[in-house]
Amino acid sequence: MSSVVSEVSTTDDLRDYFFALVESLEERLLGEEVLLCEVRGEVSSFARLNHACVGQIGDVRHQRVTIDLIHRQKHALSSVDLAGDREIDLSRVRSLMEQVREIRSHCPDDPYLSYNTAACSGEFAEVSKLPDPVDMVGTIVDAAQSEDLVGIVASGAQYRGFANSLGQRNWHSTHSFNFDWSLFSEDDRAVKSSYAGKTWAVQEVRQRIAASVEMLATVRRPPKVLRPGRYRVYLAPAAMYEVVQMLSWGGFSVRGLETKSTPFLRMHESGARLSERVTLSENIAAGTAPSFESSGFPRPEQTTLIAAGRYEGSLVSPRSEKEFGVPTNGANAAESPVALDMRGGDLDRDTIAESLHTGLLVSNLWYLNFSDRAAGRMTGMTRFATQWVENGRVQGPIEVMRFDDTVYRMLGENLIGLTRQRDWIMDPDTYDWRSTNSARLPGALIDDFALTL
């Protein structure tokens, strides 16, 4: 990854630096060419932990510029990493511009090319509320004590900028952290947890690690073997996250709807619906993702996707607007949520074992996939601290089981309720850079959940 030198050491510097590079490129435009330019990057600290000790620690400063050079209906795009040195970066982006122009000369017309021609400029620059990364790691190590804690904590600034030769300028920078960890026992059983946000609360970290230690004590008990069948279950927010991630794979996409590849096809064609308790929205205002997409279209602060169990709206990318004639709402190319928000209910998470009475507490789900996409049916595995509850009391873990059920049963006819408390979950992906995707989700109490083997 590129090291950014002191010339661009703050996000304000990065903003001004990026816009200056764009201005230098605008001077080199030919004829009717239109330039779209995007920068994405981070200034982050990372620490990897093993046995509750720091195994690796360091900082990452990384920024990458993407150029899309358009002439009428032809365009081409490519990217280059920036070094943070003006002369080096000017040479890089100018060279990239010439390469993209040459590539474009060999490209056919793009019938679905779409970019924002209205100058929707704007800026969001968040002030950091994060402590020193060393202090964050110190809190974790102190709270874990002698436990075998394995995980990663990442924190710092993430930013995205957009500019075009039509006068539009956008900047978005946020500061957040994501602590993702597991506690392991001697027989390789584990409890997986996470904590993410924009404000680091020391007491919250201690409480969450203490809760993991308490759960690990029950996980060490001999596991119960269950027969395949239907059980009452509580899906914790982390397990719900896996479910909605699967549904986000085409479920809220206008392309998925138009091509009939959506897992919500029955909602559109057969009148199926979810429970009235289920309301989902894309809540850009409450997330960390930018309020604009890569071709400059703005994103509404909130887009309702499912309202009281009924399909309300889709995410529409600029290309889908051209292809299907539906106005874009600034969705990404995959038309998947980047700030999913699910309304809570009236159950109390602190007494969920009593509400469950007899059944399963499911902390996490794994290896999910569709077993029948058109029917909204998915399958996956339990793992890590799925516990058997009897008469409102946790008995111990179960052996790994596979589930196979439809969204219409899980979040429809068999949904008993949702918790008032919700977890803010950040995508832990750090491939290339830290993800800005997030979700705010409650836990769900479900009856007749199908375990198949």
Protein backbone atom coordinates (compact mmCIF):
# COMPACT_ATOMS: atom_id res chain seq x y z
CA MET A 1 0.00 0.00 0.00
CA SER A 2 1.05 3.56 -0.64
CA SER A 3 2.51 5.63 2.17
CA VAL A 4 1.04 9.12 2.31
CA VAL A 5 3.68 11.68 3.31
CA SER A 6 3.16 14.63 5.63
CA GLU A 7 2.01 16.87 2.73
CA VAL A 8 -1.40 15.18 3.04
CA SER A 9 -1.42 14.12 6.69
CA THR A 10 -5.03 15.05 7.53
CA THR A 11 -8.34 14.39 5.81
CA ASP A 12 -8.71 18.14 5.12
CA ASP A 13 -5.34 18.06 3.40
CA LEU A 14 -6.43 15.00 1.43
CA ARG A 15 -9.59 16.75 0.26
CA ASP A 16 -7.72 19.81 -1.00
CA TYR A 17 -4.99 17.64 -2.50
CA PHE A 18 -7.51 15.53 -4.42
CA PHE A 19 -9.42 18.51 -5.79
CA ALA A 20 -6.13 20.10 -6.91
CA LEU A 21 -5.23 16.92 -8.83
CA VAL A 22 -8.64 16.99 -10.51
CA GLU A 23 -8.11 20.59 -11.60
CA SER A 24 -4.82 19.62 -13.23
CA LEU A 25 -6.62 16.87 -15.16
CA GLU A 26 -9.42 19.18 -16.27
CA GLU A 27 -6.84 21.32 -18.05
CA ARG A 28 -5.98 18.31 -20.24
CA LEU A 29 -9.48 17.47 -21.41
CA LEU A 30 -10.02 17.41 -25.18
CA GLY A 31 -13.13 18.61 -27.00
CA GLU A 32 -16.35 17.23 -25.49
CA GLU A 33 -14.67 14.95 -22.97
CA VAL A 34 -16.19 14.68 -19.50
CA LEU A 35 -14.05 13.66 -16.55
CA LEU A 36 -15.33 11.76 -13.51
CA CYS A 37 -12.83 11.29 -10.71
CA GLU A 38 -13.14 9.45 -7.41
CA VAL A 39 -10.73 9.02 -4.50
CA ARG A 40 -11.12 6.41 -1.78
CA GLY A 41 -8.88 5.78 1.16
CA GLU A 42 -8.18 5.54 4.85
CA VAL A 43 -5.80 6.55 7.59
CA SER A 44 -6.17 3.58 9.93
CA SER A 45 -4.51 1.81 12.82
CA PHE A 46 -4.66 -1.97 13.15
CA ALA A 47 -3.80 -4.41 15.90
CA ARG A 48 -4.02 -8.19 15.64
CA LEU A 49 -4.29 -10.11 18.90
CA ASN A 50 -3.60 -13.70 19.86
CA HIS A 51 -3.86 -15.15 23.40
CA ALA A 52 -4.95 -11.61 24.41
CA CYS A 53 -1.52 -10.31 23.39
CA VAL A 54 -0.60 -8.04 20.52
CA GLY A 55 0.81 -10.08 17.66
CA GLN A 56 0.98 -7.30 15.09
CA ILE A 57 0.35 -3.57 15.20
CA GLY A 58 0.69 -0.82 12.63
CA ASP A 59 -0.79 2.03 10.61
CA VAL A 60 -2.08 2.13 7.05
CA ARG A 61 -2.33 5.27 4.94
CA HIS A 62 -3.78 4.46 1.55
CA GLN A 63 -5.51 6.42 -1.17
CA ARG A 64 -6.51 5.43 -4.68
CA VAL A 65 -7.87 7.59 -7.50
CA THR A 66 -10.19 6.27 -10.22
CA ILE A 67 -10.57 8.17 -13.50
CA ASP A 68 -13.56 7.69 -15.82
CA LEU A 69 -13.07 9.54 -19.10
CA ILE A 70 -16.21 9.98 -21.18
CA HIS A 71 -16.80 11.08 -24.77
CA ARG A 72 -20.45 10.93 -25.78
CA GLN A 73 -21.45 7.27 -25.25
CA LYS A 74 -17.92 5.88 -24.99
CA HIS A 75 -15.97 5.72 -21.77
CA ALA A 76 -13.20 3.85 -19.98
CA LEU A 77 -11.92 3.93 -16.44
CA SER A 78 -8.90 2.85 -14.45
CA SER A 79 -7.27 3.46 -11.07
CA VAL A 80 -3.90 4.30 -9.56
CA ASP A 81 -2.59 4.52 -6.00
CA LEU A 82 -1.31 7.90 -4.83
CA ALA A 83 2.00 8.46 -3.05
CA GLY A 84 1.14 11.77 -1.40
CA ASP A 85 3.92 13.59 -3.25
CA ARG A 86 2.52 16.22 -5.63
CA GLU A 87 5.02 15.77 -8.47
CA ILE A 88 4.83 11.98 -8.37
CA ASP A 89 1.03 11.97 -8.22
CA LEU A 90 0.61 14.55 -10.97
CA SER A 91 2.73 12.35 -13.21
CA ARG A 92 0.74 9.25 -12.24
CA VAL A 93 -2.74 10.68 -12.81
CA ARG A 94 -1.78 12.41 -16.05
CA SER A 95 -0.25 9.20 -17.36
CA LEU A 96 -3.35 7.31 -16.26
CA MET A 97 -5.57 9.80 -18.10
CA GLU A 98 -3.66 9.20 -21.35
CA GLN A 99 -3.92 5.43 -20.88
CA VAL A 100 -7.67 5.64 -20.27
CA ARG A 101 -8.12 7.84 -23.37
CA GLU A 102 -6.28 5.23 -25.45
CA ILE A 103 -8.36 2.38 -23.98
CA ARG A 104 -11.58 4.31 -24.71
CA SER A 105 -10.69 4.56 -28.38
CA HIS A 106 -11.14 0.79 -28.62
CA CYS A 107 -14.43 0.65 -26.66
CA PRO A 108 -17.92 0.42 -28.16
CA ASP A 109 -20.73 2.75 -27.15
CA ASP A 110 -22.15 1.99 -23.72
CA PRO A 111 -25.98 2.09 -23.95
CA TYR A 112 -26.38 2.26 -20.16
CA LEU A 113 -23.75 4.92 -19.46
CA SER A 114 -25.13 7.29 -16.84
CA TYR A 115 -23.50 10.03 -14.75
CA ASN A 116 -24.78 12.97 -12.81
CA THR A 117 -24.95 16.19 -14.83
CA ALA A 118 -26.44 18.30 -12.03
CA ALA A 119 -23.80 19.80 -9.74
CA CYS A 120 -24.82 18.20 -6.43
CA SER A 121 -21.78 19.29 -4.43
CA GLY A 122 -21.54 18.72 -0.69
CA GLU A 123 -19.25 17.91 2.19
CA PHE A 124 -19.45 15.82 5.35
CA ALA A 125 -16.38 15.87 7.57
CA GLU A 126 -16.77 14.13 10.91
CA VAL A 127 -14.68 15.04 13.94
CA SER A 128 -12.93 12.05 15.48
CA LYS A 129 -14.15 10.88 18.90
CA LEU A 130 -11.70 7.98 19.04
CA PRO A 131 -8.97 7.59 21.68
CA ASP A 132 -5.36 6.74 20.94
CA PRO A 133 -5.22 3.24 19.32
CA VAL A 134 -2.68 2.14 21.95
CA ASP A 135 -5.19 2.95 24.70
CA MET A 136 -7.88 0.96 22.86
CA VAL A 137 -5.64 -2.10 22.66
CA GLY A 138 -4.67 -1.66 26.31
CA THR A 139 -8.34 -1.77 27.36
CA ILE A 140 -8.87 -4.98 25.38
CA VAL A 141 -5.81 -6.75 26.78
CA ASP A 142 -6.66 -5.72 30.33
CA ALA A 143 -10.29 -6.87 30.02
CA ALA A 144 -9.37 -10.22 28.45
CA GLN A 145 -6.84 -11.05 31.19
CA SER A 146 -5.78 -14.69 30.82
CA GLU A 147 -8.40 -15.67 28.23
CA ASP A 148 -7.38 -16.87 24.76
CA LEU A 149 -8.70 -13.86 22.84
CA VAL A 150 -8.00 -13.80 19.10
CA GLY A 151 -9.10 -10.87 16.99
CA ILE A 152 -8.44 -7.61 15.22
CA VAL A 153 -9.23 -4.01 16.11
CA ALA A 154 -9.15 -1.37 13.38
CA SER A 155 -9.79 2.34 13.85
CA GLY A 156 -9.29 5.67 12.18
CA ALA A 157 -10.47 7.83 9.30
CA GLN A 158 -12.14 6.65 6.12
CA TYR A 159 -12.85 9.02 3.28
CA ARG A 160 -14.34 9.25 -0.19
CA GLY A 161 -14.22 12.13 -2.65
CA PHE A 162 -15.85 12.76 -6.01
CA ALA A 163 -15.29 15.45 -8.62
CA ASN A 164 -16.22 15.93 -12.25
CA SER A 165 -15.43 18.43 -14.97
CA LEU A 166 -19.01 19.75 -14.75
CA GLY A 167 -18.22 21.51 -11.49
CA GLN A 168 -19.38 18.95 -8.92
CA ARG A 169 -17.30 18.43 -5.78
CA ASN A 170 -18.14 16.00 -2.95
CA TRP A 171 -16.23 14.94 0.15
CA HIS A 172 -17.09 12.47 2.90
CA SER A 173 -14.88 11.53 5.84
CA THR A 174 -15.76 9.55 8.97
CA HIS A 175 -13.95 8.12 11.98
CA SER A 176 -14.92 4.70 13.32
CA PHE A 177 -13.62 1.50 14.88
CA ASN A 178 -14.38 -2.18 14.48
CA PHE A 179 -13.28 -4.75 17.06
CA ASP A 180 -13.91 -8.34 15.91
CA TRP A 181 -12.81 -11.18 18.23
CA SER A 182 -13.27 -14.74 19.43
CA LEU A 183 -12.57 -16.39 22.79
CA PHE A 184 -11.33 -19.98 22.53
CA SER A 185 -11.46 -22.82 25.04
CA GLU A 186 -8.93 -25.64 25.36
CA ASP A 187 -11.01 -27.99 23.18
CA ASP A 188 -11.26 -25.45 20.33
CA ARG A 189 -14.79 -24.35 21.14
CA ALA A 190 -15.26 -20.62 20.78
CA VAL A 191 -17.45 -17.59 21.31
CA LYS A 192 -17.39 -14.95 18.59
CA SER A 193 -18.26 -11.30 19.24
CA SER A 194 -17.84 -7.83 17.79
CA TYR A 195 -18.13 -4.20 18.80
CA ALA A 196 -18.15 -1.29 16.37
CA GLY A 197 -19.03 2.37 16.42
CA LYS A 198 -17.83 5.96 16.29
CA THR A 199 -17.38 6.47 20.03
CA TRP A 200 -15.19 4.02 21.97
CA ALA A 201 -16.73 3.29 25.39
CA VAL A 202 -14.27 1.58 27.75
CA GLN A 203 -17.02 0.20 30.02
CA GLU A 204 -18.88 -1.22 27.01
CA VAL A 205 -15.73 -3.03 25.86
CA ARG A 206 -15.25 -4.53 29.31
CA GLN A 207 -18.89 -5.61 29.54
CA ARG A 208 -18.86 -7.25 26.12
CA ILE A 209 -15.66 -9.18 26.80
CA ALA A 210 -17.03 -10.21 30.22
CA ALA A 211 -20.21 -11.47 28.53
CA SER A 212 -18.07 -13.51 26.12
CA VAL A 213 -16.14 -15.02 29.03
CA GLU A 214 -19.40 -15.93 30.76
CA MET A 215 -20.76 -17.54 27.59
CA LEU A 216 -17.51 -19.45 27.06
CA ALA A 217 -18.02 -21.10 30.46
CA THR A 218 -21.30 -22.62 29.26
CA VAL A 219 -19.83 -23.53 25.86
CA ARG A 220 -17.27 -25.70 27.66
CA ARG A 221 -20.05 -28.01 28.84
CA PRO A 222 -20.70 -31.28 26.96
CA PRO A 223 -22.69 -30.47 23.79
CA LYS A 224 -26.27 -31.63 23.32
CA VAL A 225 -27.06 -33.58 20.16
CA LEU A 226 -30.34 -32.47 18.57
CA ARG A 227 -32.43 -34.36 16.09
CA PRO A 228 -33.49 -32.60 12.89
CA GLY A 229 -36.80 -30.84 13.42
CA ARG A 230 -38.40 -27.48 14.09
CA TYR A 231 -37.31 -25.50 17.13
CA ARG A 232 -37.97 -22.14 18.72
CA VAL A 233 -34.83 -20.02 18.30
CA TYR A 234 -33.46 -16.62 19.14
CA LEU A 235 -31.22 -15.18 16.41
CA ALA A 236 -28.89 -12.61 17.97
CA PRO A 237 -28.13 -9.47 15.89
CA ALA A 238 -24.92 -11.02 14.55
CA ALA A 239 -26.92 -14.03 13.28
CA MET A 240 -29.55 -11.68 11.86
CA TYR A 241 -26.76 -9.85 10.07
CA GLU A 242 -25.90 -13.03 8.15
CA VAL A 243 -29.56 -13.48 7.19
CA VAL A 244 -30.02 -9.92 5.90
CA GLN A 245 -26.66 -10.10 4.11
CA MET A 246 -28.04 -13.01 2.11
CA LEU A 247 -31.27 -11.12 1.42
CA SER A 248 -29.17 -8.16 0.26
CA TRP A 249 -27.78 -10.35 -2.50
CA GLY A 250 -30.32 -9.13 -5.05
CA GLY A 251 -33.25 -8.87 -2.65
CA PHE A 252 -33.49 -5.08 -2.64
CA SER A 253 -32.20 -4.60 -6.19
CA VAL A 254 -34.38 -3.26 -8.99
CA ARG A 255 -32.29 -5.36 -11.37
CA GLY A 256 -33.09 -8.44 -9.28
CA LEU A 257 -36.76 -7.53 -9.52
CA GLU A 258 -36.74 -6.88 -13.27
CA THR A 259 -34.77 -10.06 -14.04
CA LYS A 260 -36.80 -12.12 -11.54
CA SER A 261 -33.65 -13.15 -9.67
CA THR A 262 -34.70 -11.58 -6.37
CA PRO A 263 -35.24 -13.82 -3.31
CA PHE A 264 -38.39 -11.69 -2.73
CA LEU A 265 -39.97 -12.82 -6.01
CA ARG A 266 -43.02 -14.24 -4.22
CA MET A 267 -43.67 -10.84 -2.65
CA HIS A 268 -43.91 -9.30 -6.10
CA GLU A 269 -45.74 -12.06 -7.95
CA SER A 270 -47.77 -14.04 -5.40
CA GLY A 271 -48.68 -11.48 -2.76
CA ALA A 272 -46.46 -13.00 -0.07
CA ARG A 273 -45.37 -10.71 2.74
CA LEU A 274 -43.32 -10.67 5.91
CA SER A 275 -44.51 -9.98 9.44
CA GLU A 276 -45.88 -6.51 10.12
CA ARG A 277 -43.07 -6.23 12.67
CA VAL A 278 -40.48 -6.06 9.86
CA THR A 279 -39.48 -2.65 8.52
CA LEU A 280 -36.18 -2.26 6.70
CA SER A 281 -34.59 0.82 5.21
CA GLU A 282 -31.36 2.08 3.70
CA ASN A 283 -30.40 4.69 6.31
CA ILE A 284 -27.46 6.61 4.86
CA ALA A 285 -27.76 9.35 7.50
CA ALA A 286 -27.03 6.85 10.31
CA GLY A 287 -24.19 4.92 8.65
CA THR A 288 -20.60 5.55 7.59
CA ALA A 289 -21.03 5.19 3.81
CA PRO A 290 -20.92 8.38 1.70
CA SER A 291 -24.07 10.18 0.57
CA PHE A 292 -23.01 9.96 -3.10
CA GLU A 293 -22.05 7.14 -5.43
CA SER A 294 -19.15 6.74 -7.85
CA SER A 295 -20.70 8.63 -10.78
CA GLY A 296 -21.85 11.55 -8.66
CA PHE A 297 -25.51 10.79 -7.99
CA PRO A 298 -26.69 11.72 -4.48
CA ARG A 299 -28.19 9.19 -2.09
CA PRO A 300 -31.32 10.04 -0.06
CA GLU A 301 -30.85 10.12 3.69
CA GLN A 302 -33.30 7.23 3.98
CA THR A 303 -34.96 4.83 1.52
CA THR A 304 -37.67 2.50 2.83
CA LEU A 305 -37.25 -1.02 1.44
CA ILE A 306 -39.82 -3.02 3.42
CA ALA A 307 -42.56 -1.29 5.41
CA ALA A 308 -44.59 -3.35 7.93
CA GLY A 309 -43.86 -6.53 5.99
CA ARG A 310 -44.65 -5.19 2.52
CA TYR A 311 -42.07 -4.53 -0.19
CA GLU A 312 -41.87 -0.76 -0.47
CA GLY A 313 -38.95 0.20 -2.71
CA SER A 314 -35.79 -0.92 -4.45
CA LEU A 315 -32.21 0.27 -4.66
CA VAL A 316 -31.60 1.60 -8.16
CA SER A 317 -28.14 2.17 -9.64
CA PRO A 318 -27.58 4.76 -12.40
CA ARG A 319 -27.13 2.02 -15.00
CA SER A 320 -30.41 0.37 -13.98
CA GLU A 321 -32.14 3.73 -14.42
CA LYS A 322 -31.04 3.72 -18.04
CA GLU A 323 -31.89 0.04 -18.58
CA PHE A 324 -35.23 -0.20 -16.77
CA GLY A 325 -36.47 3.38 -16.70
CA VAL A 326 -36.66 3.60 -12.89
CA PRO A 327 -35.20 6.78 -11.32
CA THR A 328 -31.89 6.13 -9.58
CA ASN A 329 -31.47 6.66 -5.84
CA GLY A 330 -27.69 6.49 -5.93
CA ALA A 331 -27.34 2.77 -5.25
CA ASN A 332 -24.03 1.07 -5.90
CA ALA A 333 -23.47 -1.17 -8.92
CA ALA A 334 -24.53 -4.27 -6.96
CA GLU A 335 -27.68 -2.48 -5.71
CA SER A 336 -27.03 -3.81 -2.22
CA PRO A 337 -27.54 -1.83 1.02
CA VAL A 338 -24.59 -0.01 2.53
CA ALA A 339 -26.41 1.22 5.67
CA LEU A 340 -29.22 -1.25 6.37
CA ASP A 341 -31.51 -0.36 9.25
CA MET A 342 -34.10 -2.72 10.77
CA ARG A 343 -36.65 -1.35 13.20
CA GLY A 344 -36.63 -2.90 16.67
CA GLY A 345 -39.55 -4.46 18.51
CA ASP A 346 -40.73 -4.83 22.10
CA LEU A 347 -38.73 -7.79 23.45
CA ASP A 348 -36.06 -7.22 26.08
CA ARG A 349 -32.73 -8.78 25.20
CA ASP A 350 -31.79 -9.12 28.86
CA THR A 351 -34.70 -11.54 29.44
CA ILE A 352 -34.61 -13.30 26.08
CA ALA A 353 -33.86 -16.74 27.61
CA GLU A 354 -37.10 -16.51 29.58
CA SER A 355 -39.00 -15.41 26.47
CA LEU A 356 -37.47 -18.29 24.52
CA HIS A 357 -38.34 -20.73 27.35
CA THR A 358 -37.13 -23.87 25.53
CA GLY A 359 -35.11 -23.73 22.35
CA LEU A 360 -31.89 -22.34 20.90
CA LEU A 361 -29.89 -19.19 21.50
CA VAL A 362 -28.06 -18.66 18.18
CA SER A 363 -25.18 -16.19 18.44
CA ASN A 364 -23.87 -16.62 14.90
CA LEU A 365 -24.76 -18.30 11.61
CA TRP A 366 -22.22 -19.42 9.03
CA TYR A 367 -21.77 -20.48 5.39
CA LEU A 368 -25.16 -19.23 4.24
CA ASN A 369 -26.42 -19.68 0.71
CA PHE A 370 -29.72 -19.87 -1.11
CA SER A 371 -31.20 -23.34 -1.42
CA ASP A 372 -34.10 -21.94 -3.50
CA ARG A 373 -33.59 -18.28 -4.34
CA ALA A 374 -36.96 -17.73 -6.04
CA ALA A 375 -38.74 -19.07 -2.95
CA GLY A 376 -36.61 -17.02 -0.55
CA ARG A 377 -35.21 -20.21 0.98
CA MET A 378 -31.73 -20.19 2.49
CA THR A 379 -29.50 -22.66 4.25
CA GLY A 380 -26.54 -22.36 6.60
CA MET A 381 -24.84 -23.68 9.71
CA THR A 382 -24.90 -22.96 13.40
CA ARG A 383 -21.51 -22.59 15.04
CA PHE A 384 -19.76 -20.86 17.93
CA ALA A 385 -21.90 -20.77 21.04
CA THR A 386 -25.28 -21.92 19.82
CA GLN A 387 -26.82 -22.94 23.15
CA TRP A 388 -29.71 -25.07 24.30
CA VAL A 389 -32.16 -23.35 26.66
CA GLU A 390 -34.65 -25.27 28.78
CA ASN A 391 -37.31 -23.66 30.98
CA GLY A 392 -35.63 -20.29 30.50
CA ARG A 393 -32.18 -21.48 31.62
CA VAL A 394 -29.10 -21.99 29.45
CA GLN A 395 -28.03 -25.65 29.59
CA GLY A 396 -25.01 -25.70 27.29
CA PRO A 397 -23.94 -25.87 23.64
CA ILE A 398 -25.32 -28.06 20.87
CA GLU A 399 -23.46 -29.89 18.16
CA VAL A 400 -23.30 -28.05 14.85
CA MET A 401 -26.57 -28.16 12.90
CA ARG A 402 -27.70 -27.09 9.43
CA PHE A 403 -30.81 -24.98 8.98
CA ASP A 404 -32.95 -24.63 5.85
CA ASP A 405 -35.92 -22.26 5.91
CA THR A 406 -37.59 -19.44 4.00
CA VAL A 407 -37.53 -15.76 4.83
CA TYR A 408 -41.35 -15.85 4.78
CA ARG A 409 -41.33 -18.27 7.71
CA MET A 410 -38.38 -16.79 9.63
CA LEU A 411 -39.37 -13.14 9.31
CA GLY A 412 -43.00 -13.77 8.44
CA GLU A 413 -45.53 -16.19 9.91
CA ASN A 414 -43.13 -17.59 12.54
CA LEU A 415 -41.64 -14.34 13.80
CA ILE A 416 -42.64 -13.95 17.46
CA GLY A 417 -40.91 -10.63 18.04
CA LEU A 418 -37.84 -8.41 17.77
CA THR A 419 -35.74 -6.91 20.53
CA ARG A 420 -35.87 -3.24 21.44
CA GLN A 421 -32.09 -3.18 21.66
CA ARG A 422 -30.22 -3.13 18.38
CA ASP A 423 -26.55 -3.66 17.53
CA TRP A 424 -24.65 -1.49 15.07
CA ILE A 425 -22.59 -3.93 13.01
CA MET A 426 -19.85 -2.84 10.65
CA ASP A 427 -18.69 -5.01 7.79
CA PRO A 428 -15.30 -6.34 9.02
CA ASP A 429 -13.91 -6.62 5.47
CA THR A 430 -10.46 -5.03 5.14
CA TYR A 431 -9.65 -6.21 1.61
CA ASP A 432 -7.93 -3.23 -0.09
CA TRP A 433 -9.34 -0.97 2.67
CA ARG A 434 -11.79 -1.00 5.54
CA SER A 435 -15.37 -1.33 4.43
CA THR A 436 -17.79 1.53 5.18
CA ASN A 437 -20.86 -0.76 5.03
CA SER A 438 -22.91 -1.17 8.20
CA ALA A 439 -26.23 -2.44 9.56
CA ARG A 440 -28.28 -1.68 12.66
CA LEU A 441 -30.25 -4.78 13.67
CA PRO A 442 -32.32 -6.24 16.53
CA GLY A 443 -32.39 -9.86 17.62
CA ALA A 444 -35.33 -12.02 16.47
CA LEU A 445 -37.36 -14.64 18.35
CA ILE A 446 -38.62 -17.22 15.84
CA ASP A 447 -40.87 -20.27 16.17
CA ASP A 448 -40.62 -23.49 14.14
CA PHE A 449 -37.13 -22.80 12.81
CA ALA A 450 -36.16 -25.75 10.57
CA LEU A 451 -32.96 -27.64 11.48
CA THR A 452 -32.35 -30.30 8.82
CA LEU A 453 -29.23 -32.22 9.84
